[in-house]
């Protein structure tokens, strides 16, 4: 019930905002913008902003093989939604037995260890990458990967 009152209050505020600009824009534009405001008020969650961070320069090393678009697997699996996911489970990618059996859940600690020395964390995995020694670069990549996930 309280949630419905809050939503109604948001709608009233949106209508007042519409009324405030009504004199400045042509009616055809106002009808589009009011429809957009109505859709946002009815369907949006607590925040409207995209929480994906800009791709850090350190990620360029990863981007040569990995995509960040969901289900877009190239030479390596997509990293969209990787944070919080079990290793070796991206649909449509053929993982090594070692990665599938690793029982890793990708979080800040496991990603940091893996990015430091992939073959040490998961011996015999397919990733042809020696590791990233710079802790700041790893932290940037991990923050970015987390922003691509719902976790």
N, C-alpha and C. Protein backbone atom coordinates (compact mmCIF):
# COMPACT_ATOMS: atom_id res chain seq x y z
N UNK A 1 0.83 -1.19 0.00
CA UNK A 1 0.00 0.00 0.00
C UNK A 1 0.87 1.25 0.00
N UNK A 2 1.88 1.26 0.88
CA UNK A 2 2.79 2.40 0.96
C UNK A 2 3.52 2.60 -0.36
N UNK A 3 3.87 1.47 -1.00
CA UNK A 3 4.57 1.52 -2.27
C UNK A 3 3.69 2.20 -3.33
N UNK A 4 2.37 1.89 -3.32
CA UNK A 4 1.44 2.50 -4.27
C UNK A 4 1.34 4.01 -4.04
N UNK A 5 1.33 4.44 -2.77
CA UNK A 5 1.27 5.86 -2.48
C UNK A 5 2.53 6.57 -2.95
N UNK A 6 3.66 5.91 -2.76
CA UNK A 6 4.93 6.49 -3.20
C UNK A 6 4.93 6.64 -4.73
N UNK A 7 4.46 5.63 -5.43
CA UNK A 7 4.40 5.68 -6.89
C UNK A 7 3.44 6.78 -7.36
N UNK A 8 2.32 6.93 -6.67
CA UNK A 8 1.37 7.99 -7.02
C UNK A 8 2.00 9.36 -6.80
N UNK A 9 2.76 9.50 -5.73
CA UNK A 9 3.46 10.76 -5.46
C UNK A 9 4.47 11.06 -6.57
N UNK A 10 5.18 10.03 -7.03
CA UNK A 10 6.14 10.20 -8.13
C UNK A 10 5.41 10.66 -9.39
N UNK A 11 4.25 10.08 -9.64
CA UNK A 11 3.47 10.46 -10.83
C UNK A 11 3.05 11.93 -10.75
N UNK A 12 2.59 12.38 -9.57
CA UNK A 12 2.19 13.77 -9.41
C UNK A 12 3.37 14.70 -9.67
N UNK A 13 4.55 14.33 -9.16
CA UNK A 13 5.74 15.15 -9.39
C UNK A 13 6.07 15.20 -10.87
N UNK A 14 5.92 14.06 -11.57
CA UNK A 14 6.19 14.03 -13.01
C UNK A 14 5.23 14.92 -13.77
N UNK A 15 3.95 14.92 -13.35
CA UNK A 15 2.95 15.75 -14.01
C UNK A 15 3.25 17.23 -13.76
N UNK A 16 3.66 17.58 -12.53
CA UNK A 16 4.03 18.97 -12.24
C UNK A 16 5.22 19.40 -13.10
N UNK A 17 6.19 18.51 -13.27
CA UNK A 17 7.35 18.82 -14.10
C UNK A 17 6.91 19.04 -15.54
N UNK A 18 5.96 18.23 -16.00
CA UNK A 18 5.41 18.38 -17.34
C UNK A 18 4.74 19.75 -17.47
N UNK A 19 3.93 20.12 -16.49
CA UNK A 19 3.23 21.41 -16.53
C UNK A 19 4.22 22.57 -16.55
N UNK A 20 5.34 22.43 -15.86
CA UNK A 20 6.33 23.51 -15.78
C UNK A 20 6.99 23.78 -17.12
N UNK A 21 7.11 22.76 -17.96
CA UNK A 21 7.76 22.97 -19.26
C UNK A 21 6.77 23.09 -20.40
N UNK A 22 5.49 22.98 -20.11
CA UNK A 22 4.47 22.95 -21.16
C UNK A 22 4.50 24.17 -22.06
N UNK A 23 4.87 25.32 -21.53
CA UNK A 23 4.87 26.54 -22.32
C UNK A 23 6.11 26.66 -23.21
N UNK A 24 7.14 25.86 -22.97
CA UNK A 24 8.40 26.02 -23.69
C UNK A 24 8.56 25.10 -24.90
N UNK A 25 7.79 24.02 -25.00
CA UNK A 25 7.99 23.04 -26.06
C UNK A 25 6.71 22.81 -26.84
N UNK A 26 6.83 22.44 -28.12
CA UNK A 26 5.64 22.13 -28.92
C UNK A 26 4.90 20.92 -28.36
N UNK A 27 3.58 20.86 -28.54
CA UNK A 27 2.78 19.78 -27.99
C UNK A 27 3.23 18.38 -28.41
N UNK A 28 3.70 18.23 -29.66
CA UNK A 28 4.11 16.89 -30.10
C UNK A 28 5.31 16.39 -29.29
N UNK A 29 6.24 17.27 -28.95
CA UNK A 29 7.38 16.86 -28.14
C UNK A 29 6.96 16.59 -26.71
N UNK A 30 6.01 17.39 -26.21
CA UNK A 30 5.55 17.18 -24.84
C UNK A 30 4.86 15.84 -24.68
N UNK A 31 4.09 15.44 -25.68
CA UNK A 31 3.40 14.16 -25.54
C UNK A 31 4.41 13.02 -25.50
N UNK A 32 5.50 13.12 -26.27
CA UNK A 32 6.54 12.09 -26.21
C UNK A 32 7.25 12.10 -24.87
N UNK A 33 7.58 13.30 -24.39
CA UNK A 33 8.32 13.36 -23.13
C UNK A 33 7.42 12.95 -21.96
N UNK A 34 6.15 13.30 -22.00
CA UNK A 34 5.27 12.89 -20.91
C UNK A 34 5.06 11.38 -20.92
N UNK A 35 5.01 10.78 -22.11
CA UNK A 35 4.90 9.33 -22.20
C UNK A 35 6.15 8.67 -21.63
N UNK A 36 7.30 9.25 -21.93
CA UNK A 36 8.55 8.70 -21.40
C UNK A 36 8.58 8.82 -19.88
N UNK A 37 8.15 9.98 -19.35
CA UNK A 37 8.13 10.16 -17.89
C UNK A 37 7.18 9.16 -17.24
N UNK A 38 6.04 8.96 -17.87
CA UNK A 38 5.07 8.01 -17.32
C UNK A 38 5.66 6.61 -17.29
N UNK A 39 6.32 6.20 -18.37
CA UNK A 39 6.93 4.87 -18.41
C UNK A 39 8.01 4.73 -17.33
N UNK A 40 8.82 5.77 -17.15
CA UNK A 40 9.86 5.71 -16.12
C UNK A 40 9.24 5.61 -14.74
N UNK A 41 8.20 6.39 -14.49
CA UNK A 41 7.59 6.37 -13.16
C UNK A 41 6.93 5.03 -12.86
N UNK A 42 6.35 4.41 -13.88
CA UNK A 42 5.65 3.15 -13.66
C UNK A 42 6.57 1.94 -13.61
N UNK A 43 7.63 1.95 -14.42
CA UNK A 43 8.42 0.74 -14.58
C UNK A 43 9.83 0.80 -14.00
N UNK A 44 10.33 1.96 -13.72
CA UNK A 44 11.71 2.04 -13.26
C UNK A 44 11.82 1.70 -11.79
N UNK A 45 12.98 1.21 -11.43
CA UNK A 45 13.28 0.93 -10.04
C UNK A 45 13.70 2.19 -9.33
N UNK A 46 14.38 2.06 -8.20
CA UNK A 46 14.77 3.21 -7.42
C UNK A 46 15.76 4.13 -8.12
N UNK A 47 16.53 3.61 -9.07
CA UNK A 47 17.49 4.45 -9.76
C UNK A 47 17.34 4.25 -11.26
N UNK A 48 17.51 5.33 -12.01
CA UNK A 48 17.39 5.26 -13.46
C UNK A 48 18.76 5.11 -14.12
N UNK A 49 19.82 5.37 -13.42
CA UNK A 49 21.15 5.44 -14.01
C UNK A 49 21.71 4.06 -14.36
N UNK A 50 22.47 4.03 -15.44
CA UNK A 50 23.22 2.84 -15.81
C UNK A 50 24.44 2.79 -14.89
N UNK A 51 24.65 1.67 -14.23
CA UNK A 51 25.74 1.59 -13.27
C UNK A 51 27.01 0.98 -13.86
N UNK A 52 27.02 0.74 -15.17
CA UNK A 52 28.20 0.21 -15.81
C UNK A 52 29.27 1.29 -15.86
N UNK A 53 30.45 0.95 -15.37
CA UNK A 53 31.57 1.88 -15.40
C UNK A 53 32.17 1.94 -16.79
N UNK A 54 32.86 3.02 -17.11
CA UNK A 54 33.57 3.07 -18.40
C UNK A 54 34.67 2.01 -18.42
N UNK A 55 34.95 1.47 -19.59
CA UNK A 55 35.98 0.46 -19.71
C UNK A 55 37.34 1.04 -19.36
N UNK A 56 38.02 0.49 -18.35
CA UNK A 56 39.34 1.02 -17.99
C UNK A 56 40.38 0.62 -19.03
N UNK A 57 41.44 1.41 -19.13
CA UNK A 57 42.49 1.11 -20.11
C UNK A 57 43.13 -0.25 -19.84
N UNK A 58 43.18 -0.65 -18.58
CA UNK A 58 43.77 -1.95 -18.23
C UNK A 58 42.99 -3.11 -18.86
N UNK A 59 41.72 -2.90 -19.16
CA UNK A 59 40.88 -3.96 -19.72
C UNK A 59 41.21 -4.24 -21.19
N UNK A 60 41.95 -3.36 -21.84
CA UNK A 60 42.29 -3.56 -23.25
C UNK A 60 42.99 -4.90 -23.48
N UNK A 61 43.78 -5.33 -22.51
CA UNK A 61 44.43 -6.63 -22.60
C UNK A 61 43.38 -7.74 -22.69
N UNK A 62 42.33 -7.62 -21.92
CA UNK A 62 41.25 -8.63 -21.89
C UNK A 62 40.39 -8.56 -23.15
N UNK A 63 40.16 -7.32 -23.62
CA UNK A 63 39.24 -7.09 -24.73
C UNK A 63 39.72 -7.70 -26.04
N UNK A 64 40.98 -8.05 -26.12
CA UNK A 64 41.47 -8.70 -27.32
C UNK A 64 40.81 -10.06 -27.56
N UNK A 65 40.38 -10.72 -26.51
CA UNK A 65 39.76 -12.05 -26.63
C UNK A 65 38.34 -12.11 -26.06
N UNK A 66 38.05 -11.28 -25.05
CA UNK A 66 36.76 -11.33 -24.36
C UNK A 66 35.84 -10.19 -24.79
N UNK A 67 34.58 -10.51 -24.95
CA UNK A 67 33.54 -9.51 -25.16
C UNK A 67 32.90 -9.18 -23.82
N UNK A 68 32.24 -8.03 -23.74
CA UNK A 68 31.46 -7.71 -22.55
C UNK A 68 29.97 -7.68 -22.87
N UNK A 69 29.63 -8.13 -24.07
CA UNK A 69 28.22 -8.24 -24.44
C UNK A 69 27.74 -9.65 -24.06
N UNK A 70 26.56 -9.75 -23.47
CA UNK A 70 26.04 -11.06 -23.07
C UNK A 70 25.99 -12.04 -24.25
N UNK A 71 26.44 -13.26 -23.99
CA UNK A 71 26.37 -14.37 -24.95
C UNK A 71 27.24 -14.16 -26.19
N UNK A 72 28.11 -13.17 -26.20
CA UNK A 72 28.98 -12.94 -27.35
C UNK A 72 30.35 -13.55 -27.02
N UNK A 73 30.50 -14.81 -27.38
CA UNK A 73 31.73 -15.55 -27.09
C UNK A 73 32.59 -15.59 -28.34
N UNK A 74 33.83 -15.15 -28.22
CA UNK A 74 34.78 -15.19 -29.32
C UNK A 74 35.82 -16.26 -29.02
N UNK A 75 37.09 -15.86 -28.97
CA UNK A 75 38.15 -16.79 -28.60
C UNK A 75 38.06 -17.15 -27.12
N UNK A 76 37.35 -16.34 -26.38
CA UNK A 76 37.17 -16.52 -24.94
C UNK A 76 35.72 -16.21 -24.60
N UNK A 77 35.27 -16.64 -23.43
CA UNK A 77 33.85 -16.40 -23.07
C UNK A 77 33.56 -14.92 -22.81
N UNK A 78 32.31 -14.55 -22.99
CA UNK A 78 31.86 -13.21 -22.65
C UNK A 78 32.05 -12.99 -21.15
N UNK A 79 32.44 -11.78 -20.79
CA UNK A 79 32.61 -11.45 -19.38
C UNK A 79 31.41 -10.69 -18.81
N UNK A 80 30.37 -10.53 -19.61
CA UNK A 80 29.15 -9.90 -19.11
C UNK A 80 28.55 -10.80 -18.03
N UNK A 81 28.34 -10.26 -16.87
CA UNK A 81 27.74 -11.03 -15.78
C UNK A 81 28.66 -12.02 -15.12
N UNK A 82 29.96 -11.92 -15.37
CA UNK A 82 30.90 -12.90 -14.81
C UNK A 82 31.01 -12.77 -13.29
N UNK A 83 30.91 -11.56 -12.77
CA UNK A 83 31.06 -11.35 -11.32
C UNK A 83 29.89 -12.04 -10.60
N UNK A 84 30.22 -12.97 -9.72
CA UNK A 84 29.20 -13.72 -8.99
C UNK A 84 28.79 -15.02 -9.64
N UNK A 85 29.32 -15.29 -10.83
CA UNK A 85 28.96 -16.50 -11.58
C UNK A 85 29.96 -17.62 -11.26
N UNK A 86 29.51 -18.85 -11.39
CA UNK A 86 30.39 -20.01 -11.26
C UNK A 86 31.28 -20.08 -12.50
N UNK A 87 32.55 -20.35 -12.30
CA UNK A 87 33.50 -20.47 -13.41
C UNK A 87 33.09 -21.60 -14.34
N UNK A 88 33.32 -21.40 -15.62
CA UNK A 88 33.05 -22.44 -16.60
C UNK A 88 31.61 -22.65 -16.94
N UNK A 89 30.76 -21.64 -16.73
CA UNK A 89 29.32 -21.84 -16.96
C UNK A 89 28.69 -20.89 -17.98
N UNK A 90 29.47 -20.07 -18.66
CA UNK A 90 28.90 -19.17 -19.68
C UNK A 90 28.34 -20.04 -20.82
N UNK A 91 27.02 -19.96 -21.07
CA UNK A 91 26.43 -20.78 -22.13
C UNK A 91 27.07 -20.45 -23.50
N UNK A 92 27.27 -21.49 -24.28
CA UNK A 92 27.78 -21.30 -25.63
C UNK A 92 29.30 -21.26 -25.74
N UNK A 93 30.01 -21.44 -24.65
CA UNK A 93 31.47 -21.46 -24.72
C UNK A 93 31.98 -22.82 -24.26
N UNK A 94 32.97 -23.33 -24.96
CA UNK A 94 33.55 -24.64 -24.63
C UNK A 94 34.75 -24.47 -23.71
N UNK A 95 34.52 -24.66 -22.43
CA UNK A 95 35.56 -24.49 -21.42
C UNK A 95 36.43 -25.74 -21.30
N UNK A 96 37.62 -25.53 -20.75
CA UNK A 96 38.50 -26.66 -20.41
C UNK A 96 37.85 -27.44 -19.27
N UNK A 97 38.22 -28.69 -19.18
CA UNK A 97 37.75 -29.52 -18.07
C UNK A 97 38.19 -28.91 -16.75
N UNK A 98 39.40 -28.39 -16.73
CA UNK A 98 39.94 -27.79 -15.50
C UNK A 98 39.05 -26.63 -15.02
N UNK A 99 38.64 -25.77 -15.94
CA UNK A 99 37.80 -24.62 -15.55
C UNK A 99 36.41 -25.09 -15.12
N UNK A 100 35.83 -26.02 -15.86
CA UNK A 100 34.50 -26.53 -15.50
C UNK A 100 34.49 -27.18 -14.13
N UNK A 101 35.59 -27.82 -13.76
CA UNK A 101 35.67 -28.53 -12.49
C UNK A 101 36.26 -27.70 -11.36
N UNK A 102 36.53 -26.43 -11.61
CA UNK A 102 37.24 -25.60 -10.62
C UNK A 102 36.41 -25.23 -9.39
N UNK A 103 35.11 -25.21 -9.50
CA UNK A 103 34.22 -24.83 -8.39
C UNK A 103 34.43 -23.38 -7.91
N UNK A 104 35.01 -22.56 -8.76
CA UNK A 104 35.25 -21.15 -8.42
C UNK A 104 33.98 -20.35 -8.66
N UNK A 105 33.71 -19.43 -7.75
CA UNK A 105 32.69 -18.40 -7.97
C UNK A 105 33.47 -17.10 -8.10
N UNK A 106 33.26 -16.39 -9.21
CA UNK A 106 34.04 -15.18 -9.47
C UNK A 106 33.59 -14.03 -8.59
N UNK A 107 34.46 -13.65 -7.68
CA UNK A 107 34.26 -12.46 -6.84
C UNK A 107 35.57 -11.70 -6.84
N UNK A 108 35.68 -10.67 -6.03
CA UNK A 108 36.89 -9.83 -6.05
C UNK A 108 38.14 -10.65 -5.74
N UNK A 109 38.08 -11.50 -4.75
CA UNK A 109 39.27 -12.28 -4.35
C UNK A 109 39.66 -13.30 -5.41
N UNK A 110 38.68 -14.04 -5.94
CA UNK A 110 39.03 -15.06 -6.92
C UNK A 110 39.47 -14.44 -8.24
N UNK A 111 38.83 -13.34 -8.65
CA UNK A 111 39.26 -12.65 -9.86
C UNK A 111 40.67 -12.08 -9.70
N UNK A 112 40.95 -11.50 -8.53
CA UNK A 112 42.29 -10.95 -8.30
C UNK A 112 43.35 -12.04 -8.40
N UNK A 113 43.11 -13.16 -7.74
CA UNK A 113 44.07 -14.26 -7.79
C UNK A 113 44.23 -14.79 -9.22
N UNK A 114 43.12 -14.95 -9.94
CA UNK A 114 43.16 -15.48 -11.29
C UNK A 114 43.86 -14.51 -12.24
N UNK A 115 43.55 -13.23 -12.13
CA UNK A 115 44.21 -12.26 -13.01
C UNK A 115 45.70 -12.13 -12.72
N UNK A 116 46.10 -12.43 -11.50
CA UNK A 116 47.52 -12.41 -11.14
C UNK A 116 48.26 -13.57 -11.77
N UNK A 117 47.70 -14.77 -11.69
CA UNK A 117 48.36 -15.97 -12.20
C UNK A 117 47.32 -17.02 -12.59
N UNK A 118 46.75 -16.91 -13.79
CA UNK A 118 45.67 -17.83 -14.19
C UNK A 118 46.02 -19.31 -14.09
N UNK A 119 47.21 -19.69 -14.52
CA UNK A 119 47.57 -21.11 -14.51
C UNK A 119 47.82 -21.64 -13.10
N UNK A 120 48.15 -20.74 -12.19
CA UNK A 120 48.35 -21.16 -10.80
C UNK A 120 47.00 -21.42 -10.12
N UNK A 121 46.01 -20.58 -10.43
CA UNK A 121 44.69 -20.72 -9.82
C UNK A 121 43.91 -21.88 -10.44
N UNK A 122 43.95 -21.99 -11.76
CA UNK A 122 43.28 -23.09 -12.46
C UNK A 122 44.29 -23.71 -13.43
N UNK A 123 45.09 -24.65 -12.95
CA UNK A 123 46.07 -25.29 -13.84
C UNK A 123 45.39 -25.94 -15.04
N UNK A 124 46.02 -25.82 -16.18
CA UNK A 124 45.54 -26.41 -17.44
C UNK A 124 44.29 -25.73 -18.00
N UNK A 125 44.03 -24.48 -17.61
CA UNK A 125 42.91 -23.76 -18.23
C UNK A 125 43.36 -23.31 -19.63
N UNK A 126 42.43 -22.85 -20.45
CA UNK A 126 42.71 -22.50 -21.85
C UNK A 126 43.25 -21.09 -22.05
N UNK A 127 43.21 -20.26 -21.02
CA UNK A 127 43.57 -18.86 -21.21
C UNK A 127 45.08 -18.72 -21.41
N UNK A 128 45.45 -18.18 -22.56
CA UNK A 128 46.86 -17.97 -22.90
C UNK A 128 47.27 -16.58 -22.43
N UNK A 129 47.37 -16.42 -21.13
CA UNK A 129 47.69 -15.14 -20.52
C UNK A 129 48.50 -15.42 -19.26
N UNK A 130 49.68 -14.82 -19.18
CA UNK A 130 50.58 -15.12 -18.06
C UNK A 130 50.12 -14.51 -16.74
N UNK A 131 49.39 -13.41 -16.81
CA UNK A 131 48.93 -12.75 -15.59
C UNK A 131 49.21 -11.27 -15.63
N UNK A 132 48.59 -10.56 -14.73
CA UNK A 132 48.72 -9.11 -14.65
C UNK A 132 49.30 -8.76 -13.28
N UNK A 133 50.58 -8.35 -13.24
CA UNK A 133 51.23 -8.11 -11.95
C UNK A 133 50.78 -6.83 -11.23
N UNK A 134 50.24 -5.85 -11.96
CA UNK A 134 49.88 -4.56 -11.37
C UNK A 134 48.57 -4.66 -10.58
N UNK A 135 48.63 -4.50 -9.24
CA UNK A 135 47.40 -4.63 -8.44
C UNK A 135 46.36 -3.54 -8.75
N UNK A 136 46.80 -2.35 -9.13
CA UNK A 136 45.83 -1.29 -9.48
C UNK A 136 45.07 -1.64 -10.75
N UNK A 137 45.79 -2.16 -11.73
CA UNK A 137 45.15 -2.55 -12.99
C UNK A 137 44.15 -3.67 -12.73
N UNK A 138 44.53 -4.64 -11.91
CA UNK A 138 43.59 -5.73 -11.57
C UNK A 138 42.36 -5.18 -10.87
N UNK A 139 42.56 -4.26 -9.94
CA UNK A 139 41.43 -3.67 -9.21
C UNK A 139 40.49 -2.92 -10.16
N UNK A 140 41.04 -2.21 -11.13
CA UNK A 140 40.20 -1.51 -12.13
C UNK A 140 39.38 -2.49 -12.94
N UNK A 141 40.02 -3.56 -13.37
CA UNK A 141 39.33 -4.58 -14.15
C UNK A 141 38.22 -5.23 -13.33
N UNK A 142 38.51 -5.55 -12.09
CA UNK A 142 37.51 -6.20 -11.21
C UNK A 142 36.32 -5.27 -10.97
N UNK A 143 36.59 -3.99 -10.70
CA UNK A 143 35.48 -3.02 -10.53
C UNK A 143 34.63 -2.95 -11.79
N UNK A 144 35.30 -2.92 -12.93
CA UNK A 144 34.58 -2.87 -14.21
C UNK A 144 33.72 -4.13 -14.40
N UNK A 145 34.30 -5.30 -14.17
CA UNK A 145 33.55 -6.53 -14.33
C UNK A 145 32.36 -6.60 -13.37
N UNK A 146 32.55 -6.10 -12.18
CA UNK A 146 31.44 -6.07 -11.23
C UNK A 146 30.32 -5.16 -11.72
N UNK A 147 30.70 -4.05 -12.36
CA UNK A 147 29.68 -3.12 -12.86
C UNK A 147 28.89 -3.72 -14.02
N UNK A 148 29.43 -4.74 -14.67
CA UNK A 148 28.74 -5.42 -15.78
C UNK A 148 27.77 -6.49 -15.29
N UNK A 149 27.77 -6.73 -13.99
CA UNK A 149 26.95 -7.79 -13.41
C UNK A 149 25.84 -7.22 -12.55
N UNK A 150 24.88 -8.05 -12.24
CA UNK A 150 23.78 -7.64 -11.36
C UNK A 150 24.09 -7.98 -9.91
N UNK A 151 25.30 -8.40 -9.62
CA UNK A 151 25.68 -8.83 -8.27
C UNK A 151 26.35 -7.72 -7.50
